[in-house]
Structures are given as C-alpha cells and as structure tokens.
C-alpha cells in the first residue's frame, strides 16, 4: 500500500521516516519529496508497505501523532491526477487577460499596433 505522509518536519531524513513506519511492519520504500531547485524538503513524502494490514495499522497509529513537534497527516495515497499542460505565459491563469508578458501600457510586449 502506498501511504501519503504530510506535514513532515523539514529536517527529517528518509531514514527517520522509514524507521517511524518500520515499527508497524515491513517498509519497501520511504521517500521525502524535495523541491527540484533548492533540494529542500517540500514537507511531505510517501511510504510503501507491502502488507495492507500493517499499513492500515501504521496509518491509524501515526495520523495526528507528533513527529519532531509537528502533527503528521497520514493516509492512503491517491493516484496522481493528470494536470492540464500549461500554455506558457498568459495561459488562462487566474482570470488574467491572456496577453502575458510586459505590457508597457499597450498590451502585448509594448510593441506598436
């Protein structure tokens, strides 16, 4: 079973995450998601446990429990949903006009019309 673990302390290692779950059974993988630019933890991760009963026990025991001063959010991971591809600058983002770029007061990139 794939388990989502949220609200992780930023200084938690993958080894510590693995140890936390190994108290409930076998852990196949334990990974903390990191920012691709800074390499810093994004505050959540995933743990894979092959035995469903052990995984459910871990979820029940650890959800809401504090780890290094932070209450964990632990539940069964949902499959990742496909996100629509971004159209780049000015692509229907939050109700913007869709022109994108620097307008210079004229629209577009400040060029003449």
C-alpha atoms as a PDB file:
ATOM      1  CA  UNK A   1       0.000   0.000   0.000  1.00  0.00           C
ATOM      2  CA  UNK A   2       1.268   3.469  -0.849  1.00  0.00           C
ATOM      3  CA  UNK A   3       0.922   5.896   2.071  1.00  0.00           C
ATOM      4  CA  UNK A   4       0.950   9.705   1.930  1.00  0.00           C
ATOM      5  CA  UNK A   5       2.682  11.397   4.864  1.00  0.00           C
ATOM      6  CA  UNK A   6       2.187  15.150   5.179  1.00  0.00           C
ATOM      7  CA  UNK A   7       3.316  17.962   7.476  1.00  0.00           C
ATOM      8  CA  UNK A   8       6.781  16.439   7.803  1.00  0.00           C
ATOM      9  CA  UNK A   9       9.442  18.371   9.695  1.00  0.00           C
ATOM     10  CA  UNK A  10      11.825  19.975   7.173  1.00  0.00           C
ATOM     11  CA  UNK A  11      14.869  18.376   8.816  1.00  0.00           C
ATOM     12  CA  UNK A  12      13.503  14.799   8.780  1.00  0.00           C
ATOM     13  CA  UNK A  13      15.611  12.288   6.825  1.00  0.00           C
ATOM     14  CA  UNK A  14      14.236   9.480   4.683  1.00  0.00           C
ATOM     15  CA  UNK A  15      15.886   7.040   7.098  1.00  0.00           C
ATOM     16  CA  UNK A  16      13.968   8.533  10.031  1.00  0.00           C
ATOM     17  CA  UNK A  17      10.732   8.352   8.037  1.00  0.00           C
ATOM     18  CA  UNK A  18      11.433   4.687   7.248  1.00  0.00           C
ATOM     19  CA  UNK A  19      12.185   3.904  10.924  1.00  0.00           C
ATOM     20  CA  UNK A  20       8.934   5.548  12.028  1.00  0.00           C
ATOM     21  CA  UNK A  21       6.923   3.198   9.807  1.00  0.00           C
ATOM     22  CA  UNK A  22       9.045   0.087  10.369  1.00  0.00           C
ATOM     23  CA  UNK A  23       7.671  -0.033  13.907  1.00  0.00           C
ATOM     24  CA  UNK A  24       4.451  -1.302  12.249  1.00  0.00           C
ATOM     25  CA  UNK A  25       5.896  -3.696   9.669  1.00  0.00           C
ATOM     26  CA  UNK A  26       7.950  -4.037   6.518  1.00  0.00           C
ATOM     27  CA  UNK A  27       8.671  -0.868   4.548  1.00  0.00           C
ATOM     28  CA  UNK A  28       9.568  -1.221   0.864  1.00  0.00           C
ATOM     29  CA  UNK A  29      10.367   2.451   0.232  1.00  0.00           C
ATOM     30  CA  UNK A  30      10.269   5.730   2.113  1.00  0.00           C
ATOM     31  CA  UNK A  31      10.813   8.948   0.202  1.00  0.00           C
ATOM     32  CA  UNK A  32      10.549  12.630   1.015  1.00  0.00           C
ATOM     33  CA  UNK A  33       9.604  14.908  -1.861  1.00  0.00           C
ATOM     34  CA  UNK A  34      12.114  17.690  -2.417  1.00  0.00           C
ATOM     35  CA  UNK A  35      11.980  20.978  -4.282  1.00  0.00           C
ATOM     36  CA  UNK A  36      13.724  20.488  -7.615  1.00  0.00           C
ATOM     37  CA  UNK A  37      15.536  23.833  -7.424  1.00  0.00           C
ATOM     38  CA  UNK A  38      16.565  24.165  -3.774  1.00  0.00           C
ATOM     39  CA  UNK A  39      16.707  20.478  -2.829  1.00  0.00           C
ATOM     40  CA  UNK A  40      14.802  21.301   0.382  1.00  0.00           C
ATOM     41  CA  UNK A  41      12.009  19.083   1.676  1.00  0.00           C
ATOM     42  CA  UNK A  42       8.535  20.099   0.488  1.00  0.00           C
ATOM     43  CA  UNK A  43       7.101  18.788   3.770  1.00  0.00           C
ATOM     44  CA  UNK A  44       5.526  15.574   2.502  1.00  0.00           C
ATOM     45  CA  UNK A  45       6.512  12.141   1.355  1.00  0.00           C
ATOM     46  CA  UNK A  46       5.396   8.599   0.606  1.00  0.00           C
ATOM     47  CA  UNK A  47       5.942   5.252   2.283  1.00  0.00           C
ATOM     48  CA  UNK A  48       5.288   1.948   0.562  1.00  0.00           C
ATOM     49  CA  UNK A  49       4.322  -1.011   2.759  1.00  0.00           C
ATOM     50  CA  UNK A  50       3.589  -4.370   1.042  1.00  0.00           C
ATOM     51  CA  UNK A  51       1.310  -5.725   3.793  1.00  0.00           C
ATOM     52  CA  UNK A  52      -2.046  -3.904   3.787  1.00  0.00           C
ATOM     53  CA  UNK A  53      -2.893  -4.746   7.409  1.00  0.00           C
ATOM     54  CA  UNK A  54       0.443  -3.379   8.647  1.00  0.00           C
ATOM     55  CA  UNK A  55      -0.015  -0.281   6.522  1.00  0.00           C
ATOM     56  CA  UNK A  56      -3.513   0.346   7.879  1.00  0.00           C
ATOM     57  CA  UNK A  57      -2.206  -0.066  11.442  1.00  0.00           C
ATOM     58  CA  UNK A  58       0.542   2.457  10.727  1.00  0.00           C
ATOM     59  CA  UNK A  59      -1.969   4.942   9.283  1.00  0.00           C
ATOM     60  CA  UNK A  60      -4.286   4.584  12.277  1.00  0.00           C
ATOM     61  CA  UNK A  61      -1.459   4.954  14.783  1.00  0.00           C
ATOM     62  CA  UNK A  62       0.509   7.778  13.134  1.00  0.00           C
ATOM     63  CA  UNK A  63      -2.180  10.077  11.726  1.00  0.00           C
ATOM     64  CA  UNK A  64      -2.246  13.131  14.016  1.00  0.00           C
ATOM     65  CA  UNK A  65       0.777  11.967  16.023  1.00  0.00           C
ATOM     66  CA  UNK A  66       3.593  14.457  16.540  1.00  0.00           C
ATOM     67  CA  UNK A  67       6.972  13.831  14.984  1.00  0.00           C
ATOM     68  CA  UNK A  68       9.658  16.357  15.924  1.00  0.00           C
ATOM     69  CA  UNK A  69       6.955  18.757  17.069  1.00  0.00           C
ATOM     70  CA  UNK A  70       4.676  18.516  14.013  1.00  0.00           C
ATOM     71  CA  UNK A  71       1.370  16.599  13.837  1.00  0.00           C
ATOM     72  CA  UNK A  72       1.543  14.202  10.881  1.00  0.00           C
ATOM     73  CA  UNK A  73      -1.123  13.747   8.245  1.00  0.00           C
ATOM     74  CA  UNK A  74      -1.064  10.082   7.241  1.00  0.00           C
ATOM     75  CA  UNK A  75      -3.474   8.374   4.836  1.00  0.00           C
ATOM     76  CA  UNK A  76      -3.610   6.068   1.863  1.00  0.00           C
ATOM     77  CA  UNK A  77      -2.121   7.829  -1.138  1.00  0.00           C
ATOM     78  CA  UNK A  78      -4.480   8.535  -4.002  1.00  0.00           C
ATOM     79  CA  UNK A  79      -3.341   8.040  -7.600  1.00  0.00           C
ATOM     80  CA  UNK A  80      -1.808  11.165  -9.081  1.00  0.00           C
ATOM     81  CA  UNK A  81      -4.232  13.045 -11.288  1.00  0.00           C
ATOM     82  CA  UNK A  82      -3.176  14.273 -14.690  1.00  0.00           C
ATOM     83  CA  UNK A  83      -2.910  18.034 -14.772  1.00  0.00           C
ATOM     84  CA  UNK A  84      -3.628  20.039 -17.907  1.00  0.00           C
ATOM     85  CA  UNK A  85      -0.485  21.156 -19.677  1.00  0.00           C
ATOM     86  CA  UNK A  86       0.387  24.810 -19.140  1.00  0.00           C
ATOM     87  CA  UNK A  87       0.213  27.035 -22.184  1.00  0.00           C
ATOM     88  CA  UNK A  88       3.112  29.173 -21.004  1.00  0.00           C
ATOM     89  CA  UNK A  89       2.871  32.904 -20.451  1.00  0.00           C
ATOM     90  CA  UNK A  90      -0.633  34.304 -20.374  1.00  0.00           C
ATOM     91  CA  UNK A  91      -2.407  30.968 -20.448  1.00  0.00           C
ATOM     92  CA  UNK A  92      -5.733  31.269 -18.633  1.00  0.00           C
ATOM     93  CA  UNK A  93      -4.039  31.785 -15.301  1.00  0.00           C
ATOM     94  CA  UNK A  94      -6.357  33.028 -12.587  1.00  0.00           C
ATOM     95  CA  UNK A  95      -8.568  35.128 -14.818  1.00  0.00           C
ATOM     96  CA  UNK A  96      -5.764  37.166 -16.369  1.00  0.00           C
ATOM     97  CA  UNK A  97      -6.258  38.668 -19.790  1.00  0.00           C
ATOM     98  CA  UNK A  98      -4.224  36.073 -21.627  1.00  0.00           C
ATOM     99  CA  UNK A  99      -1.877  38.586 -23.242  1.00  0.00           C
ATOM    100  CA  UNK A 100       1.052  37.771 -20.969  1.00  0.00           C
ATOM    101  CA  UNK A 101       4.424  39.418 -20.728  1.00  0.00           C
ATOM    102  CA  UNK A 102       5.220  43.078 -20.120  1.00  0.00           C
ATOM    103  CA  UNK A 103       2.532  45.346 -21.461  1.00  0.00           C
ATOM    104  CA  UNK A 104       4.151  48.742 -21.151  1.00  0.00           C
ATOM    105  CA  UNK A 105       0.595  50.088 -21.028  1.00  0.00           C
ATOM    106  CA  UNK A 106      -0.260  48.968 -24.567  1.00  0.00           C
ATOM    107  CA  UNK A 107      -0.763  45.192 -24.390  1.00  0.00           C
ATOM    108  CA  UNK A 108       1.498  42.526 -25.678  1.00  0.00           C
ATOM    109  CA  UNK A 109       5.191  43.296 -25.211  1.00  0.00           C
ATOM    110  CA  UNK A 110       4.942  47.046 -25.602  1.00  0.00           C
ATOM    111  CA  UNK A 111       5.207  46.981 -29.364  1.00  0.00           C
ATOM    112  CA  UNK A 112       3.202  49.190 -31.699  1.00  0.00           C
ATOM    113  CA  UNK A 113      -0.132  48.129 -33.068  1.00  0.00           C
END
